[in-house]
Protein backbone atom coordinates (compact mmCIF):
# COMPACT_ATOMS: atom_id res chain seq x y z
CA MET A 1 -30.10 -58.70 -45.56
CA ARG A 2 -33.59 -57.98 -43.89
CA GLY A 3 -32.49 -59.19 -40.49
CA ALA A 4 -29.49 -57.49 -40.54
CA ALA A 5 -31.73 -54.00 -41.44
CA ASP A 6 -33.67 -54.72 -38.62
CA ARG A 7 -31.57 -55.11 -35.90
CA LYS A 8 -29.60 -52.52 -36.94
CA ALA A 9 -32.59 -50.50 -36.61
CA GLY A 10 -33.51 -52.02 -33.62
CA ASP A 11 -30.07 -51.17 -31.98
CA GLN A 12 -30.35 -47.75 -33.28
CA GLN A 13 -34.19 -47.15 -31.56
CA THR A 14 -32.23 -48.88 -28.11
CA GLU A 15 -29.54 -45.95 -28.54
CA GLN A 16 -31.77 -43.29 -28.93
CA THR A 17 -33.76 -44.39 -25.72
CA LEU A 18 -30.34 -44.45 -23.58
CA ARG A 19 -29.81 -41.47 -24.77
CA SER A 20 -33.02 -39.95 -23.94
CA TYR A 21 -32.97 -41.82 -20.33
CA ARG A 22 -29.06 -40.32 -19.77
CA HIS A 23 -30.42 -36.99 -20.93
CA LEU A 24 -33.45 -37.45 -18.74
CA PHE A 25 -31.25 -38.37 -15.73
CA GLU A 26 -28.86 -35.38 -16.24
CA TYR A 27 -30.58 -32.86 -16.68
CA SER A 28 -34.26 -33.06 -14.74
CA PRO A 29 -34.78 -31.27 -12.07
CA GLY A 30 -35.79 -33.93 -9.74
CA LEU A 31 -33.22 -35.68 -7.88
CA ILE A 32 -32.33 -39.16 -8.96
CA CYS A 33 -30.16 -42.02 -8.02
CA THR A 34 -29.42 -45.56 -8.06
CA HIS A 35 -27.61 -47.87 -5.61
CA THR A 36 -27.16 -51.08 -4.29
CA LEU A 37 -29.46 -53.36 -1.79
CA GLU A 38 -26.62 -52.45 1.11
CA GLY A 39 -27.04 -48.67 0.19
CA ILE A 40 -24.04 -48.27 -2.20
CA LEU A 41 -24.69 -45.61 -4.35
CA LEU A 42 -24.24 -46.16 -7.77
CA SER A 43 -25.04 -43.35 -9.88
CA VAL A 44 -26.02 -39.93 -8.87
CA ASN A 45 -27.30 -37.05 -10.95
CA PRO A 46 -26.15 -33.74 -11.25
CA ALA A 47 -29.58 -32.20 -9.39
CA ALA A 48 -29.55 -34.60 -6.47
CA ALA A 49 -25.30 -33.94 -5.97
CA ARG A 50 -25.64 -30.24 -6.14
CA SER A 51 -28.97 -30.21 -3.38
CA LEU A 52 -26.14 -31.63 -1.14
CA GLY A 53 -23.43 -28.85 -2.51
CA TYR A 54 -21.14 -31.61 -4.23
CA SER A 55 -20.53 -33.26 -7.15
CA PRO A 56 -22.29 -36.63 -8.50
CA SER A 57 -18.21 -38.12 -8.60
CA GLU A 58 -18.20 -37.41 -4.81
CA MET A 59 -20.90 -39.07 -4.14
CA VAL A 60 -20.94 -42.41 -6.41
CA GLY A 61 -19.40 -44.85 -4.38
CA HIS A 62 -19.85 -44.28 -0.50
CA SER A 63 -23.05 -45.56 1.29
CA LEU A 64 -26.13 -43.28 1.93
CA ALA A 65 -25.12 -43.85 5.53
CA GLU A 66 -22.32 -41.21 5.01
CA PHE A 67 -24.85 -38.83 3.92
CA VAL A 68 -27.00 -38.37 6.98
CA ASP A 69 -26.57 -37.53 10.40
CA GLU A 70 -25.71 -40.00 13.18
CA PRO A 71 -29.11 -40.41 14.32
CA THR A 72 -31.15 -40.67 11.19
CA ARG A 73 -28.30 -43.83 10.02
CA LEU A 74 -31.36 -45.77 12.06
CA GLN A 75 -33.84 -45.05 10.23
CA MET A 76 -31.52 -45.41 6.86
CA SER A 77 -30.98 -48.93 7.81
CA GLY A 78 -35.04 -49.45 8.14
CA TYR A 79 -34.95 -47.93 4.93
CA LEU A 80 -32.87 -50.51 3.51
CA ARG A 81 -34.60 -53.06 5.04
CA ARG A 82 -38.33 -52.06 4.03
CA ILE A 83 -37.26 -51.93 -0.14
CA SER A 84 -35.29 -55.18 0.33
CA THR A 85 -38.13 -57.06 1.32
CA ASN A 86 -41.34 -54.68 -0.29
CA GLY A 87 -39.20 -53.84 -3.68
CA ARG A 88 -40.68 -50.56 -3.05
CA ASP A 89 -40.59 -47.37 -0.11
CA GLU A 90 -41.78 -44.12 0.01
CA SER A 91 -40.39 -42.20 2.79
CA PHE A 92 -39.42 -39.03 3.97
CA ILE A 93 -35.96 -39.25 4.82
CA PRO A 94 -33.38 -36.06 6.49
CA VAL A 95 -30.25 -35.91 4.77
CA MET A 96 -27.05 -33.99 5.65
CA ALA A 97 -25.32 -31.58 3.24
CA LYS A 98 -21.77 -31.16 2.13
CA SER A 99 -22.10 -27.90 4.57
CA GLY A 100 -23.70 -29.61 7.52
CA GLU A 101 -26.95 -28.29 6.69
CA GLY A 102 -29.58 -30.75 7.52
CA ARG A 103 -31.96 -31.02 4.57
CA VAL A 104 -35.43 -33.08 3.95
CA TRP A 105 -35.92 -35.83 1.28
CA GLN A 106 -39.42 -37.04 0.48
CA CYS A 107 -38.07 -40.64 -1.19
CA ASN A 108 -39.48 -43.07 -3.81
CA GLY A 109 -37.78 -45.88 -4.30
CA VAL A 110 -38.32 -48.86 -6.17
CA VAL A 111 -36.15 -52.16 -6.97
CA TYR A 112 -35.17 -53.20 -10.32
CA GLU A 113 -33.91 -56.00 -11.87
CA ASP A 114 -32.38 -56.63 -15.28
CA GLY A 115 -30.71 -59.92 -15.60
CA GLY A 116 -27.91 -58.60 -12.92
CA GLU A 117 -27.80 -58.02 -9.63
CA PRO A 118 -30.89 -56.27 -8.43
CA TYR A 119 -30.61 -52.32 -7.81
CA VAL A 120 -32.51 -49.30 -6.44
CA ILE A 121 -34.05 -46.76 -8.49
CA GLY A 122 -34.95 -43.42 -6.09
CA TYR A 123 -36.67 -40.36 -7.43
CA ALA A 124 -36.34 -38.07 -4.39
CA GLN A 125 -37.84 -34.21 -3.90
CA ASP A 126 -36.40 -31.74 -1.69
CA VAL A 127 -38.98 -30.86 0.52
CA THR A 128 -37.27 -28.84 3.20
CA GLU A 129 -38.35 -25.34 2.56
CA MET A 130 -42.08 -26.72 2.45
CA LEU A 131 -41.89 -28.64 5.84
CA LEU A 132 -40.10 -25.02 7.36
CA ALA A 133 -42.97 -23.15 5.53
CA ARG A 134 -46.07 -25.71 7.20
CA LYS A 135 -44.16 -25.86 10.62
CA GLU A 136 -44.59 -21.89 10.38
CA LEU A 137 -47.91 -22.32 9.36
CA GLU A 138 -48.93 -24.49 11.69
CA LYS A 139 -46.84 -21.73 14.51
CA GLN A 140 -49.32 -19.36 13.50
CA VAL A 141 -52.85 -21.10 13.87
CA LEU A 142 -51.90 -22.52 16.86
CA THR A 143 -49.45 -19.09 18.82
CA ASP A 144 -51.24 -16.34 20.59
CA GLU A 145 -49.87 -13.08 18.89
CA LEU A 146 -49.19 -11.63 21.94
CA THR A 147 -47.59 -13.61 24.20
CA GLN A 148 -46.57 -16.69 21.79
CA LEU A 149 -47.74 -18.90 24.31
CA ARG A 150 -50.31 -21.40 22.69
CA ASN A 151 -53.48 -20.25 22.11
CA ARG A 152 -56.50 -21.80 23.09
CA ARG A 153 -56.43 -23.79 19.75
CA GLY A 154 -52.76 -25.09 20.12
CA PHE A 155 -53.60 -26.29 23.78
CA PHE A 156 -56.53 -28.66 23.03
CA THR A 157 -54.68 -29.84 20.22
CA LEU A 158 -51.65 -30.59 22.09
CA ALA A 159 -52.92 -31.12 25.86
CA GLU A 160 -55.35 -34.17 24.57
CA HIS A 161 -51.80 -35.40 23.12
CA SER A 162 -50.36 -35.55 25.88
CA LEU A 163 -52.75 -36.83 27.94
CA LYS A 164 -53.62 -39.67 25.55
CA ARG A 165 -49.36 -40.19 25.85
CA ALA A 166 -49.79 -39.71 29.84
CA LYS A 167 -52.76 -42.73 29.56
CA ARG A 168 -50.57 -44.86 27.97
CA GLU A 169 -47.81 -44.94 30.32
CA GLY A 170 -50.08 -44.85 32.87
CA LYS A 171 -49.48 -41.68 34.01
CA SER A 172 -51.13 -38.46 35.84
CA CYS A 173 -51.22 -34.95 34.39
CA LEU A 174 -52.34 -31.71 36.25
CA LEU A 175 -54.28 -28.53 35.00
CA ILE A 176 -53.31 -25.57 36.21
CA CYS A 177 -56.37 -22.91 35.25
CA ALA A 178 -55.06 -18.99 36.63
CA ASP A 179 -56.94 -16.00 36.15
CA ILE A 180 -55.46 -12.43 36.67
CA ASP A 181 -57.03 -10.31 38.80
CA GLY A 182 -57.54 -7.10 38.09
CA LEU A 183 -56.35 -6.95 34.20
CA LYS A 184 -59.64 -4.90 33.32
CA SER A 185 -58.17 -2.87 35.79
CA VAL A 186 -55.02 -1.90 34.29
CA ASN A 187 -56.60 -1.60 30.96
CA ASP A 188 -58.79 1.04 32.25
CA SER A 189 -56.48 3.14 34.61
CA LEU A 190 -53.31 2.88 32.52
CA GLY A 191 -54.43 2.06 29.34
CA HIS A 192 -54.15 -1.18 26.97
CA PRO A 193 -50.49 -0.84 26.44
CA VAL A 194 -50.03 -1.66 29.69
CA GLY A 195 -52.22 -4.59 30.00
CA SER A 196 -50.07 -5.87 27.38
CA GLU A 197 -47.38 -5.64 28.89
CA LEU A 198 -48.62 -7.27 31.97
CA LEU A 199 -49.92 -10.34 30.11
CA VAL A 200 -46.38 -10.66 28.42
CA ASP A 201 -44.76 -10.81 31.48
CA MET A 202 -47.28 -13.38 32.79
CA ALA A 203 -46.05 -15.36 30.16
CA ASP A 204 -42.66 -15.25 30.53
CA ILE A 205 -43.46 -15.77 34.61
CA LEU A 206 -44.99 -18.93 33.44
CA ARG A 207 -42.22 -20.36 31.37
CA LYS A 208 -40.10 -19.89 33.78
CA VAL A 209 -41.82 -22.12 36.49
CA PHE A 210 -42.99 -25.06 34.15
CA ARG A 211 -41.14 -27.40 31.79
CA ASP A 212 -40.19 -27.47 28.14
CA SER A 213 -42.37 -30.77 28.37
CA ASP A 214 -45.31 -28.76 29.86
CA VAL A 215 -48.79 -27.05 27.56
CA ILE A 216 -48.63 -23.78 28.15
CA ALA A 217 -51.52 -21.89 26.85
CA ARG A 218 -53.37 -18.09 27.25
CA ILE A 219 -57.10 -19.31 26.41
CA GLY A 220 -58.92 -15.81 26.82
CA GLY A 221 -58.36 -12.04 27.99
CA ASP A 222 -56.89 -12.81 30.87
CA GLU A 223 -56.80 -16.24 31.39
CA PHE A 224 -53.74 -18.96 31.31
CA ALA A 225 -53.93 -22.73 31.20
CA ILE A 226 -51.16 -25.48 32.10
CA LEU A 227 -51.09 -28.72 31.71
CA ALA A 228 -47.85 -30.42 33.69
CA PRO A 229 -47.56 -34.56 32.70
CA ASP A 230 -46.35 -36.53 35.01
CA ASN A 231 -48.02 -34.71 38.01
CA ASP A 232 -50.32 -36.09 40.62
CA GLU A 233 -52.74 -34.17 42.68
CA SER A 234 -50.02 -34.51 45.48
CA LYS A 235 -47.62 -32.42 43.70
CA SER A 236 -49.81 -29.36 43.42
CA SER A 237 -49.46 -27.73 45.89
CA ALA A 238 -46.08 -27.13 45.22
CA VAL A 239 -45.94 -26.61 41.82
CA LEU A 240 -48.48 -23.77 42.82
CA GLY A 241 -45.80 -22.65 45.15
CA ARG A 242 -43.03 -22.16 42.45
CA LEU A 243 -45.53 -20.36 40.68
CA GLN A 244 -46.70 -18.06 43.51
CA SER A 245 -42.91 -18.06 44.10
CA GLN A 246 -42.12 -16.59 40.91
CA ILE A 247 -44.34 -13.91 40.96
CA GLU A 248 -43.41 -12.83 44.57
CA ARG A 249 -39.68 -12.55 43.22
CA PHE A 250 -41.15 -10.43 39.82
CA ASN A 251 -43.92 -7.96 42.07
CA ALA A 252 -40.04 -7.17 44.14
CA ALA A 253 -38.59 -6.08 41.18
CA ALA A 254 -39.00 -1.78 40.94
CA GLY A 255 -39.98 -0.63 37.67
CA LYS A 256 -43.56 -1.63 36.92
CA GLN A 257 -46.85 0.41 37.73
CA TYR A 258 -48.35 -2.93 38.63
CA LYS A 259 -48.24 -6.24 40.58
CA ILE A 260 -49.61 -9.81 39.69
CA ALA A 261 -52.31 -11.94 41.32
CA LEU A 262 -53.72 -14.65 40.47
CA SER A 263 -56.85 -17.15 41.08
CA ALA A 264 -56.08 -20.50 40.16
CA GLY A 265 -57.55 -24.05 40.46
CA VAL A 266 -56.07 -27.21 39.86
CA ALA A 267 -57.70 -30.17 38.39
CA CYS A 268 -56.02 -34.03 37.46
CA SER A 269 -55.90 -36.78 35.40
CA SER A 270 -55.11 -40.08 36.66
CA PRO A 271 -54.91 -43.51 35.72
CA ALA A 272 -57.88 -44.37 38.21
CA ARG A 273 -60.19 -41.21 37.19
CA PRO A 274 -59.15 -40.05 33.27
CA SER A 275 -60.40 -37.17 31.50
CA THR A 276 -61.08 -35.47 28.76
CA VAL A 277 -59.38 -31.99 28.14
CA GLN A 278 -62.17 -30.16 28.42
CA GLU A 279 -63.38 -32.11 31.91
CA LEU A 280 -60.60 -30.68 33.39
CA LEU A 281 -60.92 -27.64 32.57
CA GLY A 282 -64.22 -27.03 33.43
CA GLU A 283 -63.20 -28.53 36.93
CA ALA A 284 -60.18 -26.27 36.94
CA ASP A 285 -61.99 -23.22 36.02
CA GLU A 286 -64.63 -24.24 38.64
CA LYS A 287 -62.07 -24.34 41.37
CA LEU A 288 -61.20 -20.59 40.11
CA TYR A 289 -63.91 -19.00 40.67
CA THR A 290 -64.75 -20.10 43.97
CA GLN A 291 -61.40 -19.08 44.89
CA LYS A 292 -62.14 -15.52 43.58
CA ARG A 293 -65.47 -15.63 45.37
CA SER A 294 -64.02 -16.08 48.45
CA GLY A 295 -62.74 -12.79 48.48
CA ARG A 296 -59.28 -12.93 47.52
CA PRO A 297 -57.59 -9.54 47.19
CA LYS A 298 -57.39 -8.06 43.79
CA LEU A 299 -54.37 -6.51 41.73
CA LYS A 300 -52.78 -4.04 43.01
CA LEU A 301 -52.32 -1.02 41.08
CA GLU A 302 -49.02 1.37 41.29
CA THR A 303 -47.77 4.62 40.33
CA ALA A 304 -44.88 5.20 38.43
């Protein structure tokens, strides 16, 4: 009788524990699921399903691969391999909501075995907004407020990364340092708002000339810098020629109180002569001021 009573008490305790776990699973704001080692969902709590716009019944029995976009499916395969091999995994996984909206989950999974087939218990947090906020903060820190180009800090951060990649790939990079001639005269004669307009126009010209893969920045009051990967010294004349042509097209257009002119210097980092961003900037800057000292005409002012 005592044994039967103990078993009954044990069963009641087990049932109470299971109820607690079911309650946790159903009402947790955390995103919880279980799936096989092949990625077939066995259970999905309401919070996880709701995060993607589904009901749990719409997800259970389906593959994890159905809830990510095509490029992420290889990443999902890697996740399944890692967790099968290591017994646990932590990763950021882009997921796709029912509406087609992309989300990002920070996932933690562990393989669990209770005598039957092993399966994965996964817990995740939707970190989409956090990552967007971080990206926006980084943009503010690395971006020039007026021109929306990179600022000096952003230039050094991205240019160093580009130089390291070029070195690994055995490629050359050009660094162009460009200075607007006569910006102070514009500010003094026409006012600082017009000077700011000139800077924005210069930034637009640079965007038209250079590629998305190039690092374009305003690094000082009237000074701009561009790092152009996969270009060597033999291409510097062509690059500057495209820049000059775009400036001439701008100057030929009506409606501005000024015409733009630049002084520029170019430096090159190559596999045979690798350089840091600071070294390239110093070399290009010296060539720029050599050009200025040569007596080139300054920016021409025009009255409206």
